[in-house]
N, C-alpha and C. Protein backbone atom coordinates (compact mmCIF):
# COMPACT_ATOMS: atom_id res chain seq x y z
N ILE A 1 0.53 -1.10 -0.27
CA ILE A 1 0.10 -0.06 0.46
C ILE A 1 1.08 0.91 -0.02
N LEU A 2 0.57 2.55 -1.02
CA LEU A 2 1.50 3.16 -0.81
C LEU A 2 0.15 4.33 -1.00
N VAL A 3 0.69 5.56 -0.13
CA VAL A 3 -0.23 6.73 0.19
C VAL A 3 0.55 7.84 -0.04
N ASP A 4 -0.24 8.95 -0.72
CA ASP A 4 0.85 9.89 -1.19
C ASP A 4 -0.23 11.32 -1.28
N THR A 5 0.63 11.85 -1.47
CA THR A 5 -0.56 13.39 -0.82
C THR A 5 -0.43 13.97 -1.77
N ALA A 6 0.04 13.51 -3.33
CA ALA A 6 -0.25 14.45 -4.33
C ALA A 6 -1.64 15.23 -4.46
N HIS A 7 -1.69 16.10 -4.73
CA HIS A 7 -2.78 17.25 -4.74
C HIS A 7 -3.01 18.03 -6.08
N ASN A 8 -2.36 18.30 -6.64
CA ASN A 8 -2.06 19.25 -7.84
C ASN A 8 -1.56 17.71 -9.16
N PRO A 9 -1.58 18.83 -10.03
CA PRO A 9 -1.29 17.69 -11.41
C PRO A 9 0.25 17.81 -11.30
N ASP A 10 1.44 18.27 -11.32
CA ASP A 10 2.55 18.62 -10.79
C ASP A 10 3.23 17.13 -10.03
N GLY A 11 1.91 17.53 -9.01
CA GLY A 11 2.45 16.61 -7.57
C GLY A 11 2.69 14.68 -8.17
N VAL A 12 1.11 14.49 -8.89
CA VAL A 12 0.57 13.64 -9.70
C VAL A 12 1.73 13.36 -10.52
N LYS A 13 2.54 14.19 -11.35
CA LYS A 13 3.09 13.20 -12.32
C LYS A 13 4.57 13.39 -11.66
N HIS A 14 4.92 13.53 -10.74
CA HIS A 14 5.85 13.23 -10.09
C HIS A 14 5.79 11.57 -9.12
N LEU A 15 4.68 11.86 -8.54
CA LEU A 15 4.23 10.25 -7.97
C LEU A 15 3.75 9.22 -9.09
N THR A 16 3.78 9.50 -10.34
CA THR A 16 3.35 8.56 -10.97
C THR A 16 4.72 8.32 -11.97
N LYS A 17 6.03 8.62 -11.73
CA LYS A 17 7.63 8.56 -12.33
C LYS A 17 7.62 7.54 -11.52
N PHE A 18 7.49 8.04 -9.97
CA PHE A 18 7.85 7.02 -8.56
C PHE A 18 7.47 5.60 -8.65
N VAL A 19 6.01 5.77 -8.72
CA VAL A 19 5.42 4.48 -9.40
C VAL A 19 5.68 3.54 -10.16
N LYS A 20 6.32 4.05 -11.43
CA LYS A 20 6.66 3.23 -12.64
C LYS A 20 7.99 2.77 -12.20
N THR A 21 8.74 3.22 -10.92
CA THR A 21 10.16 2.42 -10.71
C THR A 21 9.71 1.29 -9.69
N LEU A 22 8.62 0.82 -9.42
CA LEU A 22 8.01 -0.70 -8.36
C LEU A 22 7.68 -1.18 -9.44
N LYS A 23 8.14 -2.49 -8.79
CA LYS A 23 7.31 -3.75 -9.34
C LYS A 23 6.14 -4.22 -8.61
N TYR A 24 5.02 -4.73 -9.58
CA TYR A 24 3.82 -4.64 -8.80
C TYR A 24 2.80 -5.52 -10.25
N ARG A 25 1.99 -5.93 -9.81
CA ARG A 25 1.39 -7.11 -10.83
C ARG A 25 0.27 -5.95 -11.27
N ARG A 26 -0.98 -5.71 -10.60
CA ARG A 26 -1.72 -4.59 -10.94
C ARG A 26 -2.10 -3.60 -9.93
N LEU A 27 -2.21 -2.80 -10.82
CA LEU A 27 -1.93 -0.97 -9.48
C LEU A 27 -3.88 -0.49 -9.54
N PHE A 28 -3.84 -0.90 -8.12
CA PHE A 28 -5.61 -0.12 -7.76
C PHE A 28 -5.40 1.05 -7.10
N ILE A 29 -6.16 1.95 -7.81
CA ILE A 29 -6.01 3.62 -7.33
C ILE A 29 -7.04 3.97 -6.68
N ILE A 30 -7.09 4.45 -5.45
CA ILE A 30 -8.35 5.13 -4.80
C ILE A 30 -7.93 6.64 -4.87
N PHE A 31 -8.75 7.32 -5.63
CA PHE A 31 -8.62 8.64 -5.74
C PHE A 31 -9.68 9.91 -5.40
N SER A 32 -9.79 10.95 -4.91
CA SER A 32 -10.54 11.86 -4.51
C SER A 32 -9.60 13.22 -4.72
N ALA A 33 -10.35 13.86 -4.68
CA ALA A 33 -10.17 15.33 -4.59
C ALA A 33 -11.03 16.88 -4.06
N LEU A 34 -10.52 18.05 -3.79
CA LEU A 34 -11.15 18.87 -3.27
C LEU A 34 -11.75 19.83 -4.77
N ILE A 35 -12.80 20.39 -4.51
CA ILE A 35 -13.32 21.33 -5.76
C ILE A 35 -12.70 22.14 -6.09
N GLU A 36 -11.57 22.92 -5.53
CA GLU A 36 -10.96 23.60 -6.19
C GLU A 36 -9.49 23.59 -7.00
N LYS A 37 -9.56 21.98 -7.05
CA LYS A 37 -8.45 21.20 -7.55
C LYS A 37 -8.52 20.42 -9.07
N ASP A 38 -7.59 20.87 -9.96
CA ASP A 38 -7.73 20.09 -11.21
C ASP A 38 -8.00 18.34 -11.40
N SER A 39 -8.82 17.83 -11.11
CA SER A 39 -9.10 16.55 -10.92
C SER A 39 -8.80 16.48 -12.24
N LYS A 40 -9.14 16.82 -13.32
CA LYS A 40 -9.12 16.03 -14.64
C LYS A 40 -7.36 15.82 -14.74
N SER A 41 -6.93 17.07 -14.74
CA SER A 41 -5.11 17.10 -15.11
C SER A 41 -4.97 15.75 -14.07
N MET A 42 -5.05 15.77 -12.96
CA MET A 42 -4.50 15.23 -12.03
C MET A 42 -4.83 13.96 -12.24
N ALA A 43 -5.90 13.05 -12.81
CA ALA A 43 -6.05 11.69 -13.23
C ALA A 43 -5.49 12.17 -14.59
N SER A 44 -5.56 12.90 -15.26
CA SER A 44 -5.08 12.64 -16.63
C SER A 44 -3.04 12.01 -16.31
N TYR A 45 -2.93 12.11 -15.26
CA TYR A 45 -1.34 12.05 -14.68
C TYR A 45 -1.07 10.83 -13.82
N LEU A 46 -2.41 10.09 -13.83
CA LEU A 46 -2.32 8.96 -12.99
C LEU A 46 -1.57 7.78 -13.46
N PRO A 47 -0.49 7.01 -12.98
CA PRO A 47 -0.13 5.97 -13.45
C PRO A 47 -1.18 4.79 -14.19
N GLU A 48 -0.88 3.93 -15.31
CA GLU A 48 -1.54 3.04 -15.64
C GLU A 48 -2.31 2.04 -14.31
N TYR A 49 -3.35 1.68 -14.73
CA TYR A 49 -3.52 1.28 -13.77
C TYR A 49 -5.10 0.31 -14.17
N HIS A 50 -5.10 -0.49 -13.24
CA HIS A 50 -6.22 -1.82 -13.21
C HIS A 50 -7.89 -1.35 -12.83
N LYS A 51 -8.01 -0.42 -11.77
CA LYS A 51 -9.15 -0.36 -11.62
C LYS A 51 -8.67 1.38 -10.70
N LEU A 52 -10.02 2.06 -10.78
CA LEU A 52 -9.64 3.44 -10.02
C LEU A 52 -11.17 3.24 -9.43
N TYR A 53 -10.72 3.77 -8.38
CA TYR A 53 -11.95 3.76 -7.42
C TYR A 53 -11.99 5.32 -6.98
N LEU A 54 -13.35 6.08 -6.82
CA LEU A 54 -13.53 7.32 -6.67
C LEU A 54 -14.40 7.37 -5.55
N CYS A 55 -14.29 8.22 -4.39
CA CYS A 55 -15.03 8.35 -3.43
C CYS A 55 -14.98 9.74 -3.06
N LYS A 56 -15.66 9.55 -1.91
CA LYS A 56 -15.99 11.35 -1.36
C LYS A 56 -15.30 10.90 -0.06
N ILE A 57 -14.43 12.41 -0.07
CA ILE A 57 -13.48 12.20 1.36
C ILE A 57 -14.62 13.02 2.52
N LYS A 58 -14.25 13.22 3.52
CA LYS A 58 -15.15 13.53 4.84
C LYS A 58 -14.54 15.70 4.92
N GLU A 59 -14.93 15.80 3.68
CA GLU A 59 -14.41 17.62 4.20
C GLU A 59 -15.46 17.99 3.17
N PRO A 60 -15.87 19.33 3.85
CA PRO A 60 -17.30 19.77 3.09
C PRO A 60 -16.32 20.35 1.57
N ARG A 61 -15.07 20.83 0.86
CA ARG A 61 -14.83 21.24 0.16
C ARG A 61 -14.76 20.09 -1.15
N ALA A 62 -14.92 18.92 -0.52
CA ALA A 62 -14.67 17.68 -1.59
C ALA A 62 -15.29 17.90 -2.38
N ARG A 63 -14.42 17.29 -3.71
CA ARG A 63 -15.67 17.09 -5.08
C ARG A 63 -16.45 15.70 -4.92
N GLU A 64 -17.44 15.92 -5.63
CA GLU A 64 -18.54 14.61 -5.56
C GLU A 64 -17.86 13.66 -6.60
N PRO A 65 -18.13 12.04 -6.24
CA PRO A 65 -17.10 11.40 -7.39
C PRO A 65 -17.69 11.27 -8.84
N LYS A 66 -18.75 11.31 -8.39
CA LYS A 66 -20.24 11.39 -10.07
C LYS A 66 -19.14 12.62 -10.60
N ILE A 67 -19.00 13.67 -10.08
CA ILE A 67 -18.19 14.90 -10.90
C ILE A 67 -17.04 14.35 -11.43
N ILE A 68 -16.58 13.58 -10.25
CA ILE A 68 -14.84 13.51 -11.01
C ILE A 68 -14.81 12.94 -12.57
N LYS A 69 -15.83 11.68 -11.88
CA LYS A 69 -16.36 10.44 -13.35
C LYS A 69 -16.33 11.04 -14.65
N SER A 70 -17.08 12.27 -14.42
CA SER A 70 -17.70 12.50 -15.48
C SER A 70 -16.26 13.54 -16.09
N MET A 71 -15.60 14.30 -15.06
CA MET A 71 -14.93 14.78 -15.59
C MET A 71 -13.75 13.80 -16.34
N ILE A 72 -13.64 12.84 -15.83
CA ILE A 72 -12.35 11.92 -16.71
C ILE A 72 -12.84 10.88 -17.37
N GLY A 73 -14.26 10.45 -17.57
CA GLY A 73 -15.14 9.63 -18.21
C GLY A 73 -14.46 8.01 -17.74
N LYS A 74 -14.34 7.71 -16.53
CA LYS A 74 -13.96 6.54 -16.17
C LYS A 74 -13.81 6.35 -14.15
N GLY A 75 -13.91 5.23 -13.75
CA GLY A 75 -13.30 5.23 -12.70
C GLY A 75 -15.15 4.61 -11.73
N ILE A 76 -14.70 3.51 -10.82
CA ILE A 76 -15.58 2.85 -9.92
C ILE A 76 -16.06 3.98 -8.69
N ILE A 77 -17.33 4.10 -8.59
CA ILE A 77 -17.81 5.16 -7.62
C ILE A 77 -18.18 4.63 -6.03
N VAL A 78 -17.58 4.91 -5.17
CA VAL A 78 -17.60 4.16 -4.10
C VAL A 78 -18.55 5.09 -2.98
N PRO A 79 -18.90 5.33 -2.12
CA PRO A 79 -19.61 6.29 -1.11
C PRO A 79 -18.40 6.90 -0.31
N GLU A 80 -17.72 5.91 0.14
CA GLU A 80 -16.82 6.52 1.54
C GLU A 80 -15.15 6.13 0.91
N VAL A 81 -14.18 6.68 1.35
CA VAL A 81 -12.95 5.74 1.64
C VAL A 81 -12.93 4.60 2.22
N LYS A 82 -13.66 4.59 3.21
CA LYS A 82 -13.63 2.86 3.92
C LYS A 82 -13.97 1.61 2.93
N ASP A 83 -15.14 2.36 2.35
CA ASP A 83 -15.78 1.15 0.84
C ASP A 83 -15.08 0.84 -0.20
N ALA A 84 -14.21 2.03 -0.61
CA ALA A 84 -13.05 1.49 -1.52
C ALA A 84 -11.77 0.87 -0.98
N ILE A 85 -11.56 0.94 0.49
CA ILE A 85 -10.22 0.43 0.93
C ILE A 85 -11.13 -1.49 1.29
N GLU A 86 -12.16 -1.38 1.21
CA GLU A 86 -12.86 -3.06 1.59
C GLU A 86 -12.85 -3.59 0.28
N LYS A 87 -13.34 -2.58 -1.00
CA LYS A 87 -13.26 -3.23 -1.69
C LYS A 87 -11.95 -3.74 -3.13
N VAL A 88 -11.21 -2.96 -2.60
CA VAL A 88 -9.41 -3.22 -2.92
C VAL A 88 -9.08 -4.07 -2.09
N GLN A 89 -9.21 -4.59 -0.94
CA GLN A 89 -8.77 -5.46 0.18
C GLN A 89 -9.18 -6.86 -0.35
N LYS A 90 -10.61 -6.79 -0.94
CA LYS A 90 -11.08 -8.05 -1.18
C LYS A 90 -10.53 -8.43 -2.37
N GLN A 91 -9.71 -7.74 -3.88
CA GLN A 91 -8.87 -7.55 -4.75
C GLN A 91 -7.32 -8.17 -4.75
N LEU A 92 -6.96 -7.82 -3.76
CA LEU A 92 -5.34 -7.18 -3.46
C LEU A 92 -4.84 -8.93 -3.57
N LYS A 93 -3.83 -8.80 -4.32
CA LYS A 93 -2.96 -10.29 -4.61
C LYS A 93 -1.36 -9.76 -3.65
N GLU A 94 -0.89 -10.67 -3.43
CA GLU A 94 0.73 -9.92 -2.97
C GLU A 94 1.63 -9.62 -3.55
N ASP A 95 1.21 -9.58 -5.17
CA ASP A 95 1.83 -8.76 -6.17
C ASP A 95 1.36 -7.63 -6.68
N ASP A 96 0.15 -7.10 -5.81
CA ASP A 96 -0.57 -5.61 -6.45
C ASP A 96 -0.10 -4.91 -5.48
N LEU A 97 -0.43 -3.63 -6.03
CA LEU A 97 -0.28 -2.22 -5.44
C LEU A 97 -1.76 -1.37 -4.92
N LEU A 98 -1.45 -1.34 -4.07
CA LEU A 98 -2.82 0.15 -3.76
C LEU A 98 -2.13 1.73 -3.22
N LEU A 99 -2.52 2.22 -4.73
CA LEU A 99 -2.16 3.89 -4.39
C LEU A 99 -3.52 4.29 -4.16
N ILE A 100 -3.21 5.15 -3.05
CA ILE A 100 -4.54 6.21 -2.25
C ILE A 100 -3.82 7.71 -2.86
N THR A 101 -4.45 8.38 -3.22
CA THR A 101 -3.90 9.64 -3.34
C THR A 101 -4.89 10.35 -3.76
N GLY A 102 -4.78 11.95 -4.34
CA GLY A 102 -4.86 12.84 -4.84
C GLY A 102 -5.58 14.13 -3.64
N SER A 103 -5.46 13.78 -2.34
CA SER A 103 -6.14 14.83 -1.60
C SER A 103 -5.05 14.54 -0.01
N MET A 104 -4.09 15.30 0.60
CA MET A 104 -3.89 15.09 1.95
C MET A 104 -5.35 14.46 2.71
N PHE A 105 -6.44 15.55 2.65
CA PHE A 105 -7.61 14.94 3.65
C PHE A 105 -7.96 13.01 2.89
N LEU A 106 -7.72 12.92 1.84
CA LEU A 106 -7.78 11.32 1.73
C LEU A 106 -7.08 10.31 2.43
N VAL A 107 -5.65 11.13 2.24
CA VAL A 107 -4.56 10.16 2.84
C VAL A 107 -4.94 10.09 4.47
N GLY A 108 -5.44 11.77 4.90
CA GLY A 108 -5.34 11.42 6.54
C GLY A 108 -6.99 10.77 6.68
N GLU A 109 -7.86 10.27 5.90
CA GLU A 109 -8.75 9.17 6.63
C GLU A 109 -8.64 8.47 5.96
N ALA A 110 -8.16 7.67 5.50
CA ALA A 110 -7.49 6.27 4.74
C ALA A 110 -6.01 5.71 5.86
N LEU A 111 -5.64 6.53 6.29
CA LEU A 111 -4.94 6.19 7.03
C LEU A 111 -5.38 6.06 8.74
N ASN A 112 -6.14 6.62 9.48
CA ASN A 112 -7.02 6.21 10.33
C ASN A 112 -7.72 4.87 10.42
N LEU A 113 -8.08 4.65 9.16
CA LEU A 113 -8.56 3.48 9.06
C LEU A 113 -7.81 2.08 9.05
N PHE A 114 -6.33 2.50 8.36
CA PHE A 114 -5.65 1.42 8.80
C PHE A 114 -4.83 1.36 10.10
N LYS A 115 -5.54 1.82 10.95
CA LYS A 115 -4.97 1.77 12.64
C LYS A 115 -5.43 0.88 12.97
């Protein structure tokens, strides 16, 4: 599991460059962003993935997952971060990678769930 607080297009570019150096079979991504962020550009720089989950974070400025999906044209909508993590954990194999990124709020919420 890799968590990264990349929350703008440049941050996602650098994250993707790093992810490409890792060895894994399938990449699962959990992504969310705030309304003032350029979600479409951010998502366009994500590394190639097996599945992309879009969820709403518990933050008043969170962008709705259905809006992110309409901007980028793909993704699986799940109501909450907890739901996304549970769905991925059911599919994750030993040589797969889960990447959680797009917002500091998303990362914070996810890390609290792993305690």
